[in-house]
Amino acid sequence: MERKHFLKSGLAALGLAAIAPLAGSCGKDNDTTAATNTTTDSTSTGSSSSGSCTATSSETAGPYPTITPSSYVRSNIVDGQSGVPLTIKITINNKNNSCAALSGALVDIWHCTAVGYYSEYVDTPGGSYASIDYTASHFLRGRQTTDSNGLVTFTSIFPGWYSPRAPHIHVHVYNSAGTSLLVTQIAFPTDVCNTVYTTATDYKAHGTQDTANTADMVFSDSLATELSTVTGSVSAGYTLTHTIYVSA
């Protein structure tokens, strides 16, 4: 079933709370393969405070996480995909240690192309875009280990969008032993998305996203802990910075 039709009918029949565990991260129902060492049934829990920081909200990993994340230890995840350059800087802090930087944590990220496709699966973004078999591709996926400042950096492209999701990046954080600490997602500022989607060559034919962050099935109850800061321009590229708080 095409994801757009599934989600629209599901939201109407079950309501937002019921459908979120099924479609929370990518809104896709046509493949439920789980990634190795990846929690796929975690749902949004809102936020909880400890000390001087607030835990980042937990979200579903979705049906299309990286199948073998340990195989893609790399900082440059572009892998031939076209789009506006995006440098992704994610800092992991431990709220159980006075919110200090967490070094040695494993951080996996994955996101869609400029027009909404994910690698490693047969994917159909919906709309006018056909189904494509990307099972042999691994673009826009990668793993890095946090440094002494809790920081990982990836080189990628600005993600596109697909209905009915707001633009996003998936993140799975593990401790140094490989134990899962948090599955979450990163949201983008709407004004930056509007600029990219209306002016950049690889995006403007698709236009602006049809779902706002505040209406998104994942971000609507957790945007405060998941909204990133994005600076830059279409011509020079953008830099995303975001801090994720985990319990380690």
Protein backbone atom coordinates (compact mmCIF):
# COMPACT_ATOMS: atom_id res chain seq x y z
CA MET A 1 0.00 0.00 0.00
CA GLU A 2 1.30 3.49 -0.84
CA ARG A 3 2.29 5.25 2.37
CA LYS A 4 0.25 8.42 1.83
CA HIS A 5 -3.02 6.54 1.46
CA PHE A 6 -2.27 4.28 4.40
CA LEU A 7 -1.55 7.16 6.75
CA LYS A 8 -4.53 9.22 5.76
CA SER A 9 -6.94 6.33 6.25
CA GLY A 10 -5.16 5.24 9.44
CA LEU A 11 -5.30 8.66 11.03
CA ALA A 12 -8.97 8.95 10.30
CA ALA A 13 -9.83 5.50 11.61
CA LEU A 14 -7.55 5.22 14.63
CA GLY A 15 -6.59 8.73 15.65
CA LEU A 16 -3.10 10.17 16.08
CA ALA A 17 -2.15 8.29 19.23
CA ALA A 18 -3.04 4.91 17.80
CA ILE A 19 -1.22 5.33 14.51
CA ALA A 20 2.02 6.80 15.84
CA PRO A 21 3.66 3.47 16.77
CA LEU A 22 3.02 2.21 13.23
CA ALA A 23 4.17 5.18 11.22
CA GLY A 24 5.91 7.56 13.56
CA SER A 25 9.28 7.92 11.95
CA CYS A 26 8.85 7.59 8.20
CA GLY A 27 5.15 7.04 7.73
CA LYS A 28 5.83 3.86 5.77
CA ASP A 29 3.91 0.62 6.12
CA ASN A 30 5.27 -1.43 3.24
CA ASP A 31 8.30 -2.90 5.04
CA THR A 32 8.73 -3.64 8.73
CA THR A 33 12.27 -5.05 8.66
CA ALA A 34 14.03 -4.16 11.91
CA ALA A 35 17.62 -3.00 12.07
CA THR A 36 20.23 -4.99 13.95
CA ASN A 37 20.45 -3.73 17.54
CA THR A 38 17.76 -1.15 16.80
CA THR A 39 14.61 -0.60 18.85
CA THR A 40 11.72 -0.15 16.45
CA ASP A 41 8.67 -0.01 18.72
CA SER A 42 9.59 2.93 20.94
CA THR A 43 6.98 5.68 20.86
CA SER A 44 7.02 9.34 21.76
CA THR A 45 7.09 9.78 25.51
CA GLY A 46 7.23 13.54 25.80
CA SER A 47 9.92 15.03 28.05
CA SER A 48 11.21 14.43 31.55
CA SER A 49 13.54 16.68 33.51
CA SER A 50 16.58 15.79 35.59
CA GLY A 51 18.86 18.41 37.05
CA SER A 52 19.49 21.29 34.70
CA CYS A 53 18.57 19.61 31.43
CA THR A 54 15.56 17.94 29.86
CA ALA A 55 15.69 14.46 28.36
CA THR A 56 15.21 14.40 24.60
CA SER A 57 11.96 12.75 23.60
CA SER A 58 11.97 9.13 22.52
CA GLU A 59 10.46 8.29 19.14
CA THR A 60 9.85 5.28 16.93
CA ALA A 61 12.76 4.23 14.73
CA GLY A 62 10.32 3.46 11.96
CA PRO A 63 10.21 0.60 9.50
CA TYR A 64 13.31 1.72 7.55
CA PRO A 65 16.26 2.05 9.96
CA THR A 66 19.77 1.11 8.88
CA ILE A 67 19.92 -2.67 8.60
CA THR A 68 23.53 -3.11 9.76
CA PRO A 69 24.62 0.25 11.21
CA SER A 70 28.07 -0.95 12.29
CA SER A 71 28.92 -1.42 8.60
CA TYR A 72 28.59 2.31 7.86
CA VAL A 73 31.09 3.98 10.17
CA ARG A 74 31.66 7.14 8.14
CA SER A 75 31.23 10.88 8.48
CA ASN A 76 30.39 11.60 4.82
CA ILE A 77 27.06 9.94 4.07
CA VAL A 78 26.18 11.71 0.79
CA ASP A 79 27.07 8.68 -1.34
CA GLY A 80 26.27 10.34 -4.66
CA GLN A 81 22.98 11.98 -3.70
CA SER A 82 22.32 15.48 -5.04
CA GLY A 83 21.09 18.32 -2.86
CA VAL A 84 22.06 21.36 -0.83
CA PRO A 85 25.11 20.54 1.34
CA LEU A 86 24.33 20.03 5.02
CA THR A 87 26.83 19.62 7.86
CA ILE A 88 25.19 17.84 10.78
CA LYS A 89 26.64 18.46 14.26
CA ILE A 90 25.00 16.46 17.04
CA THR A 91 26.13 16.67 20.67
CA ILE A 92 25.20 13.90 23.11
CA ASN A 93 24.94 14.85 26.79
CA ASN A 94 24.25 12.58 29.77
CA LYS A 95 21.49 13.89 32.00
CA ASN A 96 22.47 11.31 34.63
CA ASN A 97 25.87 12.94 34.94
CA SER A 98 24.95 16.58 35.49
CA CYS A 99 24.19 16.89 31.77
CA ALA A 100 27.87 16.54 30.89
CA ALA A 101 29.12 15.55 27.45
CA LEU A 102 28.98 11.81 26.77
CA SER A 103 32.12 10.63 25.01
CA GLY A 104 32.40 7.28 23.27
CA ALA A 105 28.70 7.05 22.41
CA LEU A 106 27.70 5.50 19.08
CA VAL A 107 25.42 7.70 17.00
CA ASP A 108 23.56 6.41 13.93
CA ILE A 109 21.67 8.76 11.64
CA TRP A 110 19.59 8.26 8.50
CA HIS A 111 17.32 10.44 6.39
CA CYS A 112 15.65 10.67 3.00
CA THR A 113 16.79 12.18 -0.30
CA ALA A 114 15.78 15.56 -1.71
CA VAL A 115 12.53 14.00 -2.95
CA GLY A 116 11.82 11.59 -0.11
CA TYR A 117 13.47 8.23 -0.90
CA TYR A 118 15.27 6.06 1.68
CA SER A 119 18.06 3.63 0.85
CA GLU A 120 18.25 -0.08 1.72
CA TYR A 121 14.61 -0.83 0.86
CA VAL A 122 12.12 -0.76 -1.99
CA ASP A 123 10.69 2.69 -1.40
CA THR A 124 7.77 4.76 -2.65
CA PRO A 125 7.64 8.37 -1.41
CA GLY A 126 4.16 8.87 -2.86
CA GLY A 127 2.78 11.57 -5.11
CA SER A 128 4.22 11.42 -8.63
CA TYR A 129 7.31 9.46 -7.56
CA ALA A 130 7.55 5.82 -8.58
CA SER A 131 8.66 2.92 -6.44
CA ILE A 132 12.43 2.29 -6.68
CA ASP A 133 14.43 -0.68 -5.43
CA TYR A 134 17.22 0.78 -3.30
CA THR A 135 18.02 -2.42 -1.42
CA ALA A 136 21.62 -2.38 -2.71
CA SER A 137 22.16 1.30 -1.81
CA HIS A 138 23.19 2.81 1.52
CA PHE A 139 23.11 6.54 0.90
CA LEU A 140 22.34 9.05 3.65
CA ARG A 141 23.14 6.61 6.46
CA GLY A 142 26.11 6.59 8.80
CA ARG A 143 27.60 6.05 12.24
CA GLN A 144 30.09 8.08 14.25
CA THR A 145 31.47 7.94 17.82
CA THR A 146 31.24 11.02 20.01
CA ASP A 147 34.47 12.80 20.92
CA SER A 148 35.42 14.19 24.34
CA ASN A 149 32.90 16.98 23.83
CA GLY A 150 30.10 14.54 23.02
CA LEU A 151 30.12 15.68 19.40
CA VAL A 152 29.67 13.82 16.12
CA THR A 153 29.77 15.47 12.71
CA PHE A 154 28.32 14.22 9.43
CA THR A 155 28.49 15.60 5.90
CA SER A 156 25.19 15.13 4.08
CA ILE A 157 22.52 16.93 2.06
CA PHE A 158 19.45 18.80 3.23
CA PRO A 159 16.63 16.21 3.53
CA GLY A 160 13.49 16.46 1.46
CA TRP A 161 9.98 15.73 2.66
CA TYR A 162 7.04 13.44 1.98
CA SER A 163 3.42 13.47 3.06
CA PRO A 164 2.32 13.50 5.87
CA ARG A 165 5.65 14.11 7.65
CA ALA A 166 7.59 17.24 8.40
CA PRO A 167 11.27 17.17 7.34
CA HIS A 168 13.40 15.16 9.78
CA ILE A 169 16.52 13.14 10.56
CA HIS A 170 16.43 9.87 12.50
CA VAL A 171 18.96 9.31 15.29
CA HIS A 172 19.77 6.22 17.35
CA VAL A 173 22.21 6.62 20.25
CA TYR A 174 24.02 3.70 21.92
CA ASN A 175 26.58 3.61 24.71
CA SER A 176 30.12 2.44 23.95
CA ALA A 177 29.10 -1.18 24.61
CA GLY A 178 26.34 -1.02 22.00
CA THR A 179 23.39 -0.81 24.40
CA SER A 180 20.58 1.36 23.08
CA LEU A 181 20.13 4.64 24.97
CA LEU A 182 17.65 6.54 22.82
CA VAL A 183 15.88 6.54 19.47
CA THR A 184 14.74 10.01 18.48
CA GLN A 185 14.27 12.37 15.54
CA ILE A 186 15.45 15.88 14.66
CA ALA A 187 13.11 18.54 13.27
CA PHE A 188 14.03 21.47 11.01
CA PRO A 189 13.06 25.16 11.26
CA THR A 190 10.22 25.84 8.85
CA ASP A 191 11.65 29.07 7.43
CA VAL A 192 14.86 27.32 6.36
CA CYS A 193 12.91 24.46 4.79
CA ASN A 194 10.75 26.90 2.86
CA THR A 195 13.85 28.62 1.45
CA VAL A 196 15.46 25.35 0.35
CA TYR A 197 12.30 23.82 -1.08
CA THR A 198 11.34 26.88 -3.14
CA THR A 199 14.74 27.92 -4.49
CA ALA A 200 17.14 24.95 -4.65
CA THR A 201 17.28 23.03 -7.94
CA ASP A 202 16.85 19.53 -6.53
CA TYR A 203 13.86 20.49 -4.37
CA LYS A 204 11.73 23.24 -5.90
CA ALA A 205 9.77 20.99 -8.29
CA HIS A 206 8.43 19.20 -5.20
CA GLY A 207 7.58 22.46 -3.41
CA THR A 208 7.19 23.12 0.30
CA GLN A 209 6.25 20.45 2.84
CA ASP A 210 2.55 19.83 3.40
CA THR A 211 2.88 19.11 7.14
CA ALA A 212 4.05 21.64 9.72
CA ASN A 213 6.19 20.62 12.68
CA THR A 214 3.30 21.40 15.02
CA ALA A 215 0.98 19.12 13.04
CA ASP A 216 3.48 16.30 12.55
CA MET A 217 2.56 12.97 14.18
CA VAL A 218 6.01 12.73 15.80
CA PHE A 219 6.90 16.34 16.63
CA SER A 220 3.52 17.73 17.66
CA ASP A 221 4.02 16.73 21.32
CA SER A 222 7.81 16.94 21.55
CA LEU A 223 9.08 19.76 19.33
CA ALA A 224 10.77 21.58 22.22
CA THR A 225 13.40 18.85 22.58
CA GLU A 226 13.73 17.92 18.91
CA LEU A 227 13.94 21.20 16.97
CA SER A 228 17.42 21.89 15.60
CA THR A 229 19.22 25.13 14.81
CA VAL A 230 20.13 25.51 11.12
CA THR A 231 22.31 28.28 9.73
CA GLY A 232 23.72 29.02 6.29
CA SER A 233 22.33 29.47 2.79
CA VAL A 234 21.39 27.51 -0.32
CA SER A 235 24.50 28.74 -2.13
CA ALA A 236 26.97 28.12 0.71
CA GLY A 237 25.29 25.13 2.31
CA TYR A 238 23.82 24.77 5.79
CA THR A 239 25.00 23.63 9.21
CA LEU A 240 22.62 21.89 11.60
CA THR A 241 23.43 21.87 15.32
CA HIS A 242 21.45 19.92 17.90
CA THR A 243 22.00 18.61 21.42
CA ILE A 244 20.46 15.31 22.51
CA TYR A 245 20.14 14.44 26.21
CA VAL A 246 20.20 10.75 27.12
CA SER A 247 20.24 8.73 30.33
CA ALA A 248 23.51 6.80 30.36
